Amino acid sequence: MNLKDVDFFSVLSDEDIEEIKPYFQSVTHSKKDMVFSEGDRSDWLYIVSTGKVKITRQSQDGKELILEIIQPNELFGAVAAFKGFPYPANAVAMESSTVFKIARKDLLKIIDRFPSVMFSIASMLGDRMRNSHDTLKNIALERVESRIASLLLKLALKSSPDALHIDFKLTKQDIADMAGTTVETSIRTISKFKRLGLISENKGLFVIKDLDGLGLFCH
């Protein structure tokens, strides 16, 4: 992983990057490996190098809710690491993944040495917390079709500038877990969107064929 590709380190010079590299450790996780569990001590901040990691919590009825999918060059576990409180959610590898981790004490050294990094991370964390809040609010308040349409549009926007495709595979179970519904409802809703010509799918890879039409289901 090139740390320069990570947004909040892009403000640093090549010399600065070389200075902080020794702080990072590389760890490989197999699919479904737990990177950390809710309640664990927040000793580390993580950055995905390759693969995907999902951030999950258990709902009141025991179902898994996917709060976010972390892609390469994105970090996770940051809020807990900064504040020193236990991780508030689980982090699970969605596929074979390599993550870089940095100890909390070393992270604090870096932001003390390079204050600009702190400003970049704070901005990113603000966006991340708003997205998590919106996800939970949508699960509580919005109808299922609206939740799934919003989810697909959000993931497509995150994956590609034109917001027309999602660049990683999603199962119907993944979609159900992210939208807070059952896999049966997820299958029915995806099938409906396909019939209407709003999306297409090939082996778990989704393409948005009608942005405006899919957007109508978000309201």
N, C-alpha and C. Protein backbone atom coordinates (compact mmCIF):
# COMPACT_ATOMS: atom_id res chain seq x y z
N MET A 1 0.84 -1.20 0.00
CA MET A 1 0.00 0.00 0.00
C MET A 1 0.87 1.24 0.00
N ASN A 2 0.53 2.18 -0.85
CA ASN A 2 1.20 3.48 -0.86
C ASN A 2 0.42 4.43 0.04
N LEU A 3 1.01 4.83 1.14
CA LEU A 3 0.30 5.71 2.08
C LEU A 3 -0.14 7.01 1.43
N LYS A 4 0.53 7.41 0.36
CA LYS A 4 0.15 8.63 -0.36
C LYS A 4 -1.25 8.52 -0.95
N ASP A 5 -1.69 7.27 -1.21
CA ASP A 5 -3.02 7.07 -1.79
C ASP A 5 -4.13 7.19 -0.76
N VAL A 6 -3.76 7.21 0.51
CA VAL A 6 -4.74 7.38 1.58
C VAL A 6 -4.99 8.88 1.75
N ASP A 7 -6.26 9.28 1.63
CA ASP A 7 -6.60 10.71 1.55
C ASP A 7 -5.93 11.55 2.62
N PHE A 8 -6.00 11.11 3.87
CA PHE A 8 -5.52 11.98 4.95
C PHE A 8 -4.01 12.00 5.07
N PHE A 9 -3.30 11.14 4.33
CA PHE A 9 -1.84 11.23 4.28
C PHE A 9 -1.34 11.91 3.00
N SER A 10 -2.26 12.24 2.10
CA SER A 10 -1.86 12.86 0.84
C SER A 10 -1.28 14.26 1.04
N VAL A 11 -1.52 14.83 2.22
CA VAL A 11 -1.00 16.18 2.51
C VAL A 11 0.49 16.13 2.86
N LEU A 12 1.03 14.92 3.07
CA LEU A 12 2.42 14.79 3.49
C LEU A 12 3.35 14.67 2.29
N SER A 13 4.60 15.10 2.47
CA SER A 13 5.61 14.96 1.43
C SER A 13 6.11 13.52 1.38
N ASP A 14 6.84 13.18 0.33
CA ASP A 14 7.41 11.83 0.23
C ASP A 14 8.34 11.54 1.41
N GLU A 15 9.08 12.54 1.83
CA GLU A 15 9.98 12.36 2.98
C GLU A 15 9.20 12.09 4.26
N ASP A 16 8.07 12.80 4.42
CA ASP A 16 7.23 12.58 5.60
C ASP A 16 6.65 11.16 5.59
N ILE A 17 6.23 10.71 4.41
CA ILE A 17 5.67 9.37 4.29
C ILE A 17 6.70 8.32 4.71
N GLU A 18 7.93 8.49 4.26
CA GLU A 18 8.99 7.54 4.63
C GLU A 18 9.21 7.54 6.13
N GLU A 19 9.02 8.70 6.76
CA GLU A 19 9.21 8.80 8.21
C GLU A 19 8.17 8.01 8.99
N ILE A 20 6.93 7.99 8.51
CA ILE A 20 5.86 7.34 9.27
C ILE A 20 5.66 5.87 8.90
N LYS A 21 6.21 5.42 7.79
CA LYS A 21 6.01 4.04 7.34
C LYS A 21 6.33 2.99 8.41
N PRO A 22 7.42 3.15 9.17
CA PRO A 22 7.77 2.11 10.16
C PRO A 22 6.71 1.88 11.24
N TYR A 23 5.78 2.84 11.39
CA TYR A 23 4.75 2.69 12.41
C TYR A 23 3.68 1.66 12.02
N PHE A 24 3.59 1.31 10.74
CA PHE A 24 2.49 0.48 10.26
C PHE A 24 2.87 -0.99 10.15
N GLN A 25 1.92 -1.85 10.52
CA GLN A 25 2.09 -3.29 10.40
C GLN A 25 1.05 -3.84 9.42
N SER A 26 1.45 -4.80 8.61
CA SER A 26 0.54 -5.42 7.65
C SER A 26 0.00 -6.73 8.20
N VAL A 27 -1.32 -6.92 8.08
CA VAL A 27 -1.96 -8.16 8.55
C VAL A 27 -2.91 -8.65 7.45
N THR A 28 -2.88 -9.95 7.17
CA THR A 28 -3.78 -10.54 6.17
C THR A 28 -4.89 -11.31 6.88
N HIS A 29 -6.12 -11.10 6.39
CA HIS A 29 -7.29 -11.78 6.96
C HIS A 29 -8.00 -12.56 5.87
N SER A 30 -8.42 -13.77 6.21
CA SER A 30 -9.23 -14.57 5.30
C SER A 30 -10.68 -14.07 5.35
N LYS A 31 -11.46 -14.46 4.35
CA LYS A 31 -12.87 -14.10 4.32
C LYS A 31 -13.57 -14.54 5.61
N LYS A 32 -14.35 -13.66 6.17
CA LYS A 32 -15.13 -13.86 7.40
C LYS A 32 -14.30 -13.77 8.68
N ASP A 33 -13.00 -13.52 8.57
CA ASP A 33 -12.18 -13.28 9.76
C ASP A 33 -12.65 -12.02 10.48
N MET A 34 -12.65 -12.06 11.80
CA MET A 34 -12.98 -10.89 12.61
C MET A 34 -11.71 -10.07 12.81
N VAL A 35 -11.71 -8.83 12.32
CA VAL A 35 -10.56 -7.93 12.54
C VAL A 35 -10.60 -7.45 13.99
N PHE A 36 -11.77 -7.02 14.43
CA PHE A 36 -12.00 -6.76 15.85
C PHE A 36 -13.48 -6.91 16.13
N SER A 37 -13.80 -7.09 17.41
CA SER A 37 -15.19 -7.28 17.83
C SER A 37 -15.66 -6.09 18.65
N GLU A 38 -16.96 -5.87 18.62
CA GLU A 38 -17.56 -4.83 19.45
C GLU A 38 -17.16 -5.07 20.91
N GLY A 39 -16.67 -4.02 21.56
CA GLY A 39 -16.26 -4.13 22.96
C GLY A 39 -14.79 -4.38 23.16
N ASP A 40 -14.06 -4.76 22.08
CA ASP A 40 -12.61 -4.95 22.21
C ASP A 40 -11.91 -3.63 22.52
N ARG A 41 -10.76 -3.71 23.16
CA ARG A 41 -9.94 -2.51 23.39
C ARG A 41 -9.49 -1.92 22.06
N SER A 42 -9.56 -0.60 21.97
CA SER A 42 -9.23 0.07 20.71
C SER A 42 -7.74 0.43 20.67
N ASP A 43 -6.92 -0.58 20.55
CA ASP A 43 -5.48 -0.35 20.55
C ASP A 43 -4.93 0.06 19.19
N TRP A 44 -5.74 -0.13 18.12
CA TRP A 44 -5.24 0.06 16.77
C TRP A 44 -6.22 0.85 15.90
N LEU A 45 -5.67 1.59 14.96
CA LEU A 45 -6.43 2.16 13.84
C LEU A 45 -6.03 1.34 12.61
N TYR A 46 -7.00 1.08 11.73
CA TYR A 46 -6.77 0.20 10.58
C TYR A 46 -7.01 0.93 9.27
N ILE A 47 -6.28 0.51 8.23
CA ILE A 47 -6.49 0.99 6.87
C ILE A 47 -6.52 -0.24 5.96
N VAL A 48 -7.54 -0.32 5.10
CA VAL A 48 -7.62 -1.44 4.16
C VAL A 48 -6.61 -1.21 3.03
N SER A 49 -5.82 -2.23 2.77
CA SER A 49 -4.89 -2.18 1.64
C SER A 49 -5.50 -2.88 0.42
N THR A 50 -5.91 -4.12 0.60
CA THR A 50 -6.61 -4.85 -0.46
C THR A 50 -7.80 -5.56 0.16
N GLY A 51 -8.84 -5.80 -0.64
CA GLY A 51 -10.02 -6.49 -0.17
C GLY A 51 -11.07 -5.52 0.35
N LYS A 52 -11.99 -6.05 1.15
CA LYS A 52 -13.09 -5.26 1.70
C LYS A 52 -13.33 -5.69 3.14
N VAL A 53 -13.69 -4.75 4.00
CA VAL A 53 -14.04 -5.02 5.40
C VAL A 53 -15.39 -4.40 5.68
N LYS A 54 -16.26 -5.16 6.32
CA LYS A 54 -17.58 -4.61 6.67
C LYS A 54 -17.62 -4.28 8.16
N ILE A 55 -18.28 -3.18 8.47
CA ILE A 55 -18.50 -2.76 9.85
C ILE A 55 -19.93 -3.13 10.21
N THR A 56 -20.09 -3.94 11.26
CA THR A 56 -21.40 -4.49 11.57
C THR A 56 -21.76 -4.29 13.04
N ARG A 57 -23.07 -4.34 13.29
CA ARG A 57 -23.59 -4.41 14.66
C ARG A 57 -24.76 -5.36 14.67
N GLN A 58 -25.11 -5.84 15.85
CA GLN A 58 -26.28 -6.71 16.00
C GLN A 58 -27.50 -5.85 16.29
N SER A 59 -28.60 -6.13 15.61
CA SER A 59 -29.85 -5.45 15.90
C SER A 59 -30.46 -6.04 17.17
N GLN A 60 -31.53 -5.44 17.64
CA GLN A 60 -32.16 -5.91 18.87
C GLN A 60 -32.70 -7.33 18.73
N ASP A 61 -33.05 -7.72 17.50
CA ASP A 61 -33.56 -9.08 17.31
C ASP A 61 -32.47 -10.05 16.88
N GLY A 62 -31.20 -9.61 17.03
CA GLY A 62 -30.08 -10.52 16.79
C GLY A 62 -29.58 -10.59 15.37
N LYS A 63 -30.13 -9.79 14.45
CA LYS A 63 -29.69 -9.81 13.07
C LYS A 63 -28.46 -8.93 12.89
N GLU A 64 -27.62 -9.31 11.94
CA GLU A 64 -26.45 -8.49 11.63
C GLU A 64 -26.86 -7.31 10.75
N LEU A 65 -26.43 -6.11 11.13
CA LEU A 65 -26.63 -4.93 10.30
C LEU A 65 -25.26 -4.46 9.81
N ILE A 66 -25.11 -4.30 8.50
CA ILE A 66 -23.87 -3.77 7.95
C ILE A 66 -23.99 -2.26 7.90
N LEU A 67 -23.17 -1.58 8.70
CA LEU A 67 -23.21 -0.12 8.75
C LEU A 67 -22.42 0.50 7.62
N GLU A 68 -21.36 -0.17 7.21
CA GLU A 68 -20.51 0.41 6.17
C GLU A 68 -19.60 -0.66 5.60
N ILE A 69 -19.21 -0.47 4.34
CA ILE A 69 -18.22 -1.33 3.71
C ILE A 69 -16.98 -0.48 3.47
N ILE A 70 -15.85 -0.93 4.03
CA ILE A 70 -14.59 -0.18 3.94
C ILE A 70 -13.78 -0.75 2.78
N GLN A 71 -13.39 0.12 1.87
CA GLN A 71 -12.68 -0.27 0.67
C GLN A 71 -11.20 0.12 0.77
N PRO A 72 -10.37 -0.32 -0.20
CA PRO A 72 -8.94 0.01 -0.14
C PRO A 72 -8.66 1.51 0.03
N ASN A 73 -7.67 1.79 0.87
CA ASN A 73 -7.20 3.13 1.21
C ASN A 73 -8.15 3.89 2.13
N GLU A 74 -9.14 3.19 2.70
CA GLU A 74 -10.03 3.80 3.69
C GLU A 74 -9.70 3.23 5.07
N LEU A 75 -9.90 4.06 6.09
CA LEU A 75 -9.58 3.62 7.45
C LEU A 75 -10.82 3.23 8.22
N PHE A 76 -10.63 2.50 9.32
CA PHE A 76 -11.73 2.15 10.21
C PHE A 76 -11.17 1.97 11.62
N GLY A 77 -12.07 2.07 12.60
CA GLY A 77 -11.66 2.00 14.00
C GLY A 77 -11.07 3.28 14.52
N ALA A 78 -11.22 4.37 13.75
CA ALA A 78 -10.51 5.61 14.09
C ALA A 78 -11.09 6.32 15.31
N VAL A 79 -12.41 6.46 15.38
CA VAL A 79 -13.01 7.21 16.48
C VAL A 79 -12.64 6.57 17.82
N ALA A 80 -12.79 5.25 17.90
CA ALA A 80 -12.46 4.56 19.15
C ALA A 80 -10.97 4.69 19.48
N ALA A 81 -10.13 4.58 18.44
CA ALA A 81 -8.68 4.67 18.67
C ALA A 81 -8.29 6.05 19.19
N PHE A 82 -8.90 7.08 18.64
CA PHE A 82 -8.58 8.44 19.10
C PHE A 82 -9.03 8.67 20.54
N LYS A 83 -10.24 8.20 20.83
CA LYS A 83 -10.84 8.48 22.14
C LYS A 83 -10.42 7.48 23.21
N GLY A 84 -9.96 6.29 22.79
CA GLY A 84 -9.53 5.29 23.76
C GLY A 84 -10.67 4.51 24.38
N PHE A 85 -11.87 4.51 23.75
CA PHE A 85 -12.96 3.69 24.27
C PHE A 85 -13.09 2.43 23.41
N PRO A 86 -13.78 1.39 23.90
CA PRO A 86 -13.87 0.13 23.15
C PRO A 86 -14.50 0.33 21.77
N TYR A 87 -14.12 -0.53 20.84
CA TYR A 87 -14.72 -0.46 19.50
C TYR A 87 -16.23 -0.61 19.61
N PRO A 88 -17.00 0.29 18.98
CA PRO A 88 -18.46 0.25 19.12
C PRO A 88 -19.15 -0.70 18.14
N ALA A 89 -18.38 -1.38 17.29
CA ALA A 89 -18.96 -2.28 16.29
C ALA A 89 -17.93 -3.37 15.96
N ASN A 90 -18.35 -4.29 15.11
CA ASN A 90 -17.46 -5.35 14.64
C ASN A 90 -16.87 -4.98 13.29
N ALA A 91 -15.68 -5.47 13.01
CA ALA A 91 -15.07 -5.32 11.69
C ALA A 91 -14.74 -6.72 11.17
N VAL A 92 -15.30 -7.07 10.00
CA VAL A 92 -15.19 -8.43 9.48
C VAL A 92 -14.72 -8.38 8.03
N ALA A 93 -13.75 -9.19 7.67
CA ALA A 93 -13.28 -9.26 6.29
C ALA A 93 -14.36 -9.87 5.40
N MET A 94 -14.73 -9.17 4.34
CA MET A 94 -15.74 -9.68 3.41
C MET A 94 -15.13 -10.63 2.39
N GLU A 95 -13.82 -10.54 2.22
CA GLU A 95 -13.07 -11.38 1.31
C GLU A 95 -11.64 -11.42 1.83
N SER A 96 -10.78 -12.19 1.20
CA SER A 96 -9.38 -12.18 1.62
C SER A 96 -8.86 -10.75 1.53
N SER A 97 -8.37 -10.22 2.63
CA SER A 97 -8.04 -8.80 2.72
C SER A 97 -6.73 -8.59 3.46
N THR A 98 -6.02 -7.55 3.06
CA THR A 98 -4.83 -7.11 3.78
C THR A 98 -5.10 -5.74 4.37
N VAL A 99 -4.85 -5.60 5.66
CA VAL A 99 -5.04 -4.30 6.31
C VAL A 99 -3.73 -3.88 6.95
N PHE A 100 -3.54 -2.58 7.00
CA PHE A 100 -2.41 -2.01 7.73
C PHE A 100 -2.96 -1.46 9.03
N LYS A 101 -2.25 -1.70 10.12
CA LYS A 101 -2.70 -1.18 11.40
C LYS A 101 -1.58 -0.38 12.06
N ILE A 102 -2.01 0.61 12.85
CA ILE A 102 -1.05 1.45 13.56
C ILE A 102 -1.53 1.59 15.00
N ALA A 103 -0.62 1.42 15.95
CA ALA A 103 -0.97 1.51 17.36
C ALA A 103 -1.41 2.93 17.71
N ARG A 104 -2.34 3.02 18.65
CA ARG A 104 -2.89 4.30 19.05
C ARG A 104 -1.78 5.27 19.47
N LYS A 105 -0.81 4.80 20.22
CA LYS A 105 0.25 5.69 20.70
C LYS A 105 1.08 6.23 19.53
N ASP A 106 1.28 5.41 18.49
CA ASP A 106 2.05 5.87 17.33
C ASP A 106 1.21 6.82 16.46
N LEU A 107 -0.09 6.57 16.39
CA LEU A 107 -0.97 7.48 15.66
C LEU A 107 -0.93 8.87 16.28
N LEU A 108 -0.96 8.91 17.62
CA LEU A 108 -0.91 10.20 18.31
C LEU A 108 0.41 10.91 18.07
N LYS A 109 1.48 10.14 17.93
CA LYS A 109 2.78 10.75 17.60
C LYS A 109 2.73 11.41 16.23
N ILE A 110 2.09 10.73 15.27
CA ILE A 110 2.03 11.26 13.91
C ILE A 110 1.23 12.56 13.85
N ILE A 111 0.08 12.60 14.53
CA ILE A 111 -0.73 13.82 14.44
C ILE A 111 -0.13 14.95 15.26
N ASP A 112 0.67 14.61 16.25
CA ASP A 112 1.40 15.64 16.97
C ASP A 112 2.51 16.22 16.08
N ARG A 113 3.13 15.35 15.30
CA ARG A 113 4.21 15.76 14.40
C ARG A 113 3.67 16.46 13.16
N PHE A 114 2.50 16.01 12.67
CA PHE A 114 1.91 16.55 11.44
C PHE A 114 0.45 16.93 11.70
N PRO A 115 0.18 18.11 12.26
CA PRO A 115 -1.21 18.50 12.59
C PRO A 115 -2.16 18.47 11.40
N SER A 116 -1.66 18.65 10.19
CA SER A 116 -2.53 18.65 9.02
C SER A 116 -3.22 17.30 8.84
N VAL A 117 -2.57 16.23 9.29
CA VAL A 117 -3.17 14.91 9.20
C VAL A 117 -4.42 14.84 10.08
N MET A 118 -4.36 15.46 11.26
CA MET A 118 -5.50 15.45 12.17
C MET A 118 -6.71 16.14 11.54
N PHE A 119 -6.48 17.27 10.87
CA PHE A 119 -7.59 17.97 10.23
C PHE A 119 -8.23 17.12 9.15
N SER A 120 -7.41 16.41 8.37
CA SER A 120 -7.93 15.55 7.30
C SER A 120 -8.74 14.39 7.88
N ILE A 121 -8.22 13.77 8.94
CA ILE A 121 -8.93 12.66 9.56
C ILE A 121 -10.24 13.13 10.19
N ALA A 122 -10.22 14.28 10.85
CA ALA A 122 -11.43 14.79 11.50
C ALA A 122 -12.53 15.04 10.48
N SER A 123 -12.17 15.58 9.32
CA SER A 123 -13.15 15.83 8.27
C SER A 123 -13.76 14.52 7.77
N MET A 124 -12.90 13.53 7.55
CA MET A 124 -13.37 12.23 7.08
C MET A 124 -14.27 11.57 8.12
N LEU A 125 -13.90 11.66 9.40
CA LEU A 125 -14.71 11.03 10.44
C LEU A 125 -16.08 11.68 10.56
N GLY A 126 -16.14 12.99 10.34
CA GLY A 126 -17.43 13.67 10.37
C GLY A 126 -18.35 13.13 9.30
N ASP A 127 -17.81 12.94 8.09
CA ASP A 127 -18.62 12.38 7.00
C ASP A 127 -19.04 10.95 7.32
N ARG A 128 -18.11 10.17 7.88
CA ARG A 128 -18.40 8.77 8.19
C ARG A 128 -19.51 8.67 9.24
N MET A 129 -19.46 9.50 10.26
CA MET A 129 -20.48 9.45 11.31
C MET A 129 -21.84 9.88 10.79
N ARG A 130 -21.86 10.87 9.91
CA ARG A 130 -23.13 11.28 9.30
C ARG A 130 -23.73 10.15 8.47
N ASN A 131 -22.87 9.44 7.73
CA ASN A 131 -23.36 8.34 6.90
C ASN A 131 -23.92 7.22 7.76
N SER A 132 -23.24 6.90 8.88
CA SER A 132 -23.74 5.85 9.78
C SER A 132 -25.07 6.25 10.39
N HIS A 133 -25.17 7.52 10.78
CA HIS A 133 -26.43 8.02 11.35
C HIS A 133 -27.55 7.93 10.32
N ASP A 134 -27.27 8.32 9.07
CA ASP A 134 -28.28 8.25 8.02
C ASP A 134 -28.70 6.81 7.77
N THR A 135 -27.74 5.88 7.81
CA THR A 135 -28.05 4.46 7.60
C THR A 135 -29.03 3.97 8.65
N LEU A 136 -28.73 4.23 9.92
CA LEU A 136 -29.60 3.78 11.00
C LEU A 136 -30.97 4.46 10.94
N LYS A 137 -30.99 5.74 10.58
CA LYS A 137 -32.26 6.46 10.47
C LYS A 137 -33.11 5.88 9.35
N ASN A 138 -32.49 5.58 8.21
CA ASN A 138 -33.23 5.01 7.09
C ASN A 138 -33.81 3.64 7.44
N ILE A 139 -33.02 2.83 8.16
CA ILE A 139 -33.52 1.51 8.57
C ILE A 139 -34.75 1.66 9.46
N ALA A 140 -34.73 2.68 10.30
CA ALA A 140 -35.84 2.87 11.24
C ALA A 140 -37.07 3.48 10.58
N LEU A 141 -36.88 4.36 9.61
CA LEU A 141 -37.98 5.18 9.13
C LEU A 141 -38.44 4.91 7.70
N GLU A 142 -37.55 4.46 6.83
CA GLU A 142 -37.88 4.36 5.42
C GLU A 142 -38.40 2.97 5.06
N ARG A 143 -39.26 2.91 4.03
CA ARG A 143 -39.72 1.61 3.55
C ARG A 143 -38.58 0.88 2.86
N VAL A 144 -38.73 -0.42 2.71
CA VAL A 144 -37.63 -1.26 2.26
C VAL A 144 -37.14 -0.87 0.87
N GLU A 145 -38.06 -0.63 -0.08
CA GLU A 145 -37.64 -0.27 -1.44
C GLU A 145 -36.79 0.99 -1.42
N SER A 146 -37.17 1.94 -0.60
CA SER A 146 -36.41 3.18 -0.48
C SER A 146 -35.02 2.91 0.08
N ARG A 147 -34.95 2.05 1.11
CA ARG A 147 -33.66 1.74 1.74
C ARG A 147 -32.71 1.07 0.75
N ILE A 148 -33.23 0.11 -0.02
CA ILE A 148 -32.36 -0.62 -0.95
C ILE A 148 -31.95 0.26 -2.12
N ALA A 149 -32.86 1.08 -2.62
CA ALA A 149 -32.50 2.00 -3.71
C ALA A 149 -31.43 2.98 -3.24
N SER A 150 -31.61 3.54 -2.04
CA SER A 150 -30.62 4.48 -1.50
C SER A 150 -29.28 3.81 -1.31
N LEU A 151 -29.30 2.56 -0.83
CA LEU A 151 -28.06 1.81 -0.62
C LEU A 151 -27.30 1.62 -1.93
N LEU A 152 -28.01 1.16 -2.97
CA LEU A 152 -27.35 0.92 -4.26
C LEU A 152 -26.77 2.20 -4.83
N LEU A 153 -27.50 3.29 -4.72
CA LEU A 153 -27.01 4.57 -5.24
C LEU A 153 -25.80 5.05 -4.45
N LYS A 154 -25.84 4.87 -3.14
CA LYS A 154 -24.71 5.30 -2.30
C LYS A 154 -23.45 4.50 -2.62
N LEU A 155 -23.59 3.19 -2.76
CA LEU A 155 -22.44 2.35 -3.06
C LEU A 155 -21.90 2.63 -4.46
N ALA A 156 -22.79 2.90 -5.41
CA ALA A 156 -22.34 3.22 -6.77
C ALA A 156 -21.60 4.55 -6.80
N LEU A 157 -22.11 5.53 -6.06
CA LEU A 157 -21.45 6.83 -6.00
C LEU A 157 -20.07 6.70 -5.38
N LYS A 158 -19.95 5.84 -4.38
CA LYS A 158 -18.67 5.62 -3.72
C LYS A 158 -17.70 4.87 -4.63
N SER A 159 -18.23 4.02 -5.51
CA SER A 159 -17.39 3.17 -6.35
C SER A 159 -16.90 3.85 -7.61
N SER A 160 -17.72 4.73 -8.19
CA SER A 160 -17.36 5.29 -9.50
C SER A 160 -17.84 6.73 -9.61
N PRO A 161 -17.08 7.60 -10.27
CA PRO A 161 -17.46 9.01 -10.40
C PRO A 161 -18.81 9.21 -11.08
N ASP A 162 -19.15 8.31 -12.03
CA ASP A 162 -20.43 8.47 -12.73
C ASP A 162 -21.59 7.82 -11.99
N ALA A 163 -21.29 7.14 -10.87
CA ALA A 163 -22.31 6.50 -10.02
C ALA A 163 -23.14 5.48 -10.80
N LEU A 164 -22.52 4.82 -11.76
CA LEU A 164 -23.26 3.88 -12.60
C LEU A 164 -22.95 2.41 -12.32
N HIS A 165 -21.97 2.13 -11.48
CA HIS A 165 -21.71 0.73 -11.16
C HIS A 165 -21.08 0.61 -9.78
N ILE A 166 -21.24 -0.57 -9.19
CA ILE A 166 -20.63 -0.90 -7.90
C ILE A 166 -19.47 -1.84 -8.20
N ASP A 167 -18.27 -1.47 -7.79
CA ASP A 167 -17.08 -2.17 -8.25
C ASP A 167 -16.68 -3.36 -7.37
N PHE A 168 -17.61 -3.89 -6.57
CA PHE A 168 -17.34 -5.12 -5.82
C PHE A 168 -18.63 -5.92 -5.72
N LYS A 169 -18.47 -7.22 -5.48
CA LYS A 169 -19.62 -8.12 -5.49
C LYS A 169 -20.44 -7.97 -4.20
N LEU A 170 -21.75 -8.01 -4.37
CA LEU A 170 -22.68 -7.97 -3.25
C LEU A 170 -23.63 -9.16 -3.36
N THR A 171 -23.81 -9.88 -2.28
CA THR A 171 -24.83 -10.92 -2.25
C THR A 171 -26.16 -10.30 -1.83
N LYS A 172 -27.23 -11.04 -2.06
CA LYS A 172 -28.55 -10.57 -1.60
C LYS A 172 -28.56 -10.48 -0.08
N GLN A 173 -27.79 -11.36 0.58
CA GLN A 173 -27.69 -11.30 2.04
C GLN A 173 -26.98 -10.03 2.48
N ASP A 174 -25.91 -9.65 1.77
CA ASP A 174 -25.22 -8.39 2.09
C ASP A 174 -26.19 -7.21 2.01
N ILE A 175 -26.97 -7.19 0.93
CA ILE A 175 -27.92 -6.08 0.74
C ILE A 175 -28.96 -6.09 1.85
N ALA A 176 -29.45 -7.27 2.20
CA ALA A 176 -30.42 -7.37 3.29
C ALA A 176 -29.83 -6.86 4.59
N ASP A 177 -28.58 -7.25 4.88
CA ASP A 177 -27.94 -6.83 6.13
C ASP A 177 -27.69 -5.33 6.16
N MET A 178 -27.41 -4.73 5.03
CA MET A 178 -27.17 -3.28 5.00
C MET A 178 -28.46 -2.49 5.03
N ALA A 179 -29.54 -3.08 4.52
CA ALA A 179 -30.82 -2.37 4.48
C ALA A 179 -31.71 -2.71 5.66
N GLY A 180 -31.27 -3.63 6.52
CA GLY A 180 -32.06 -3.98 7.69
C GLY A 180 -33.34 -4.71 7.34
N THR A 181 -33.25 -5.69 6.43
CA THR A 181 -34.43 -6.44 6.02
C THR A 181 -34.06 -7.91 5.88
N THR A 182 -34.98 -8.72 5.37
CA THR A 182 -34.72 -10.14 5.17
C THR A 182 -34.14 -10.37 3.78
N VAL A 183 -33.46 -11.52 3.62
CA VAL A 183 -32.89 -11.82 2.31
C VAL A 183 -34.00 -12.04 1.29
N GLU A 184 -35.15 -12.58 1.72
CA GLU A 184 -36.27 -12.78 0.80
C GLU A 184 -36.78 -11.45 0.25
N THR A 185 -36.89 -10.46 1.13
CA THR A 185 -37.34 -9.13 0.70
C THR A 185 -36.29 -8.48 -0.20
N SER A 186 -35.04 -8.70 0.13
CA SER A 186 -33.95 -8.18 -0.71
C SER A 186 -34.05 -8.76 -2.12
N ILE A 187 -34.26 -10.06 -2.23
CA ILE A 187 -34.36 -10.72 -3.54
C ILE A 187 -35.55 -10.17 -4.32
N ARG A 188 -36.70 -10.03 -3.65
CA ARG A 188 -37.90 -9.51 -4.32
C ARG A 188 -37.67 -8.08 -4.84
N THR A 189 -37.06 -7.26 -4.02
CA THR A 189 -36.87 -5.85 -4.39
C THR A 189 -35.87 -5.72 -5.54
N ILE A 190 -34.77 -6.46 -5.47
CA ILE A 190 -33.78 -6.43 -6.55
C ILE A 190 -34.42 -6.91 -7.85
N SER A 191 -35.23 -7.97 -7.78
CA SER A 191 -35.91 -8.49 -8.97
C SER A 191 -36.85 -7.43 -9.56
N LYS A 192 -37.53 -6.70 -8.70
CA LYS A 192 -38.42 -5.64 -9.18
C LYS A 192 -37.64 -4.54 -9.88
N PHE A 193 -36.53 -4.12 -9.28
CA PHE A 193 -35.71 -3.08 -9.91
C PHE A 193 -35.17 -3.54 -11.26
N LYS A 194 -34.84 -4.84 -11.38
CA LYS A 194 -34.38 -5.37 -12.67
C LYS A 194 -35.51 -5.34 -13.69
N ARG A 195 -36.70 -5.77 -13.30
CA ARG A 195 -37.85 -5.78 -14.23
C ARG A 195 -38.15 -4.39 -14.75
N LEU A 196 -37.98 -3.39 -13.89
CA LEU A 196 -38.25 -2.01 -14.27
C LEU A 196 -37.12 -1.40 -15.09
N GLY A 197 -36.04 -2.15 -15.27
CA GLY A 197 -34.92 -1.64 -16.06
C GLY A 197 -34.06 -0.63 -15.33
N LEU A 198 -34.14 -0.61 -14.01
CA LEU A 198 -33.38 0.37 -13.22
C LEU A 198 -31.95 -0.09 -12.97
N ILE A 199 -31.76 -1.41 -12.84
CA ILE A 199 -30.44 -1.97 -12.55
C ILE A 199 -30.24 -3.25 -13.36
N SER A 200 -28.99 -3.67 -13.46
CA SER A 200 -28.68 -5.00 -13.96
C SER A 200 -27.67 -5.62 -13.01
N GLU A 201 -27.54 -6.94 -13.07
CA GLU A 201 -26.64 -7.62 -12.16
C GLU A 201 -26.02 -8.82 -12.87
N ASN A 202 -24.75 -9.03 -12.66
CA ASN A 202 -24.07 -10.20 -13.20
C ASN A 202 -23.13 -10.74 -12.13
N LYS A 203 -23.51 -11.89 -11.54
CA LYS A 203 -22.70 -12.56 -10.52
C LYS A 203 -22.33 -11.63 -9.37
N GLY A 204 -23.32 -10.87 -8.91
CA GLY A 204 -23.12 -10.01 -7.75
C GLY A 204 -22.58 -8.64 -8.05
N LEU A 205 -22.30 -8.34 -9.30
CA LEU A 205 -21.83 -7.01 -9.69
C LEU A 205 -23.02 -6.23 -10.26
N PHE A 206 -23.30 -5.08 -9.67
CA PHE A 206 -24.48 -4.29 -10.02
C PHE A 206 -24.10 -3.10 -10.89
N VAL A 207 -24.99 -2.82 -11.86
CA VAL A 207 -24.87 -1.63 -12.71
C VAL A 207 -26.17 -0.85 -12.59
N ILE A 208 -26.07 0.45 -12.37
CA ILE A 208 -27.25 1.32 -12.33
C ILE A 208 -27.55 1.75 -13.75
N LYS A 209 -28.71 1.36 -14.27
CA LYS A 209 -29.07 1.67 -15.66
C LYS A 209 -29.93 2.92 -15.77
N ASP A 210 -30.61 3.29 -14.69
CA ASP A 210 -31.48 4.46 -14.70
C ASP A 210 -31.35 5.16 -13.35
N LEU A 211 -30.42 6.13 -13.29
CA LEU A 211 -30.19 6.85 -12.03
C LEU A 211 -31.44 7.56 -11.54
N ASP A 212 -32.08 8.29 -12.44
CA ASP A 212 -33.26 9.05 -12.04
C ASP A 212 -34.40 8.14 -11.61
N GLY A 213 -34.58 7.05 -12.35
CA GLY A 213 -35.67 6.14 -12.01
C GLY A 213 -35.44 5.48 -10.66
N LEU A 214 -34.21 5.05 -10.40
CA LEU A 214 -33.91 4.45 -9.11
C LEU A 214 -34.03 5.47 -8.00
N GLY A 215 -33.64 6.71 -8.31
CA GLY A 215 -33.72 7.79 -7.33
C GLY A 215 -35.13 8.07 -6.87
N LEU A 216 -36.12 7.82 -7.74
CA LEU A 216 -37.51 8.05 -7.37
C LEU A 216 -37.95 7.17 -6.21
N PHE A 217 -37.33 6.02 -6.07
CA PHE A 217 -37.68 5.12 -4.97
C PHE A 217 -37.09 5.57 -3.63
N CYS A 218 -36.22 6.58 -3.68
CA CYS A 218 -35.59 7.06 -2.45
C CYS A 218 -36.45 8.06 -1.71
N HIS A 219 -37.56 8.44 -2.30
CA HIS A 219 -38.38 9.50 -1.69
C HIS A 219 -39.69 8.93 -1.14
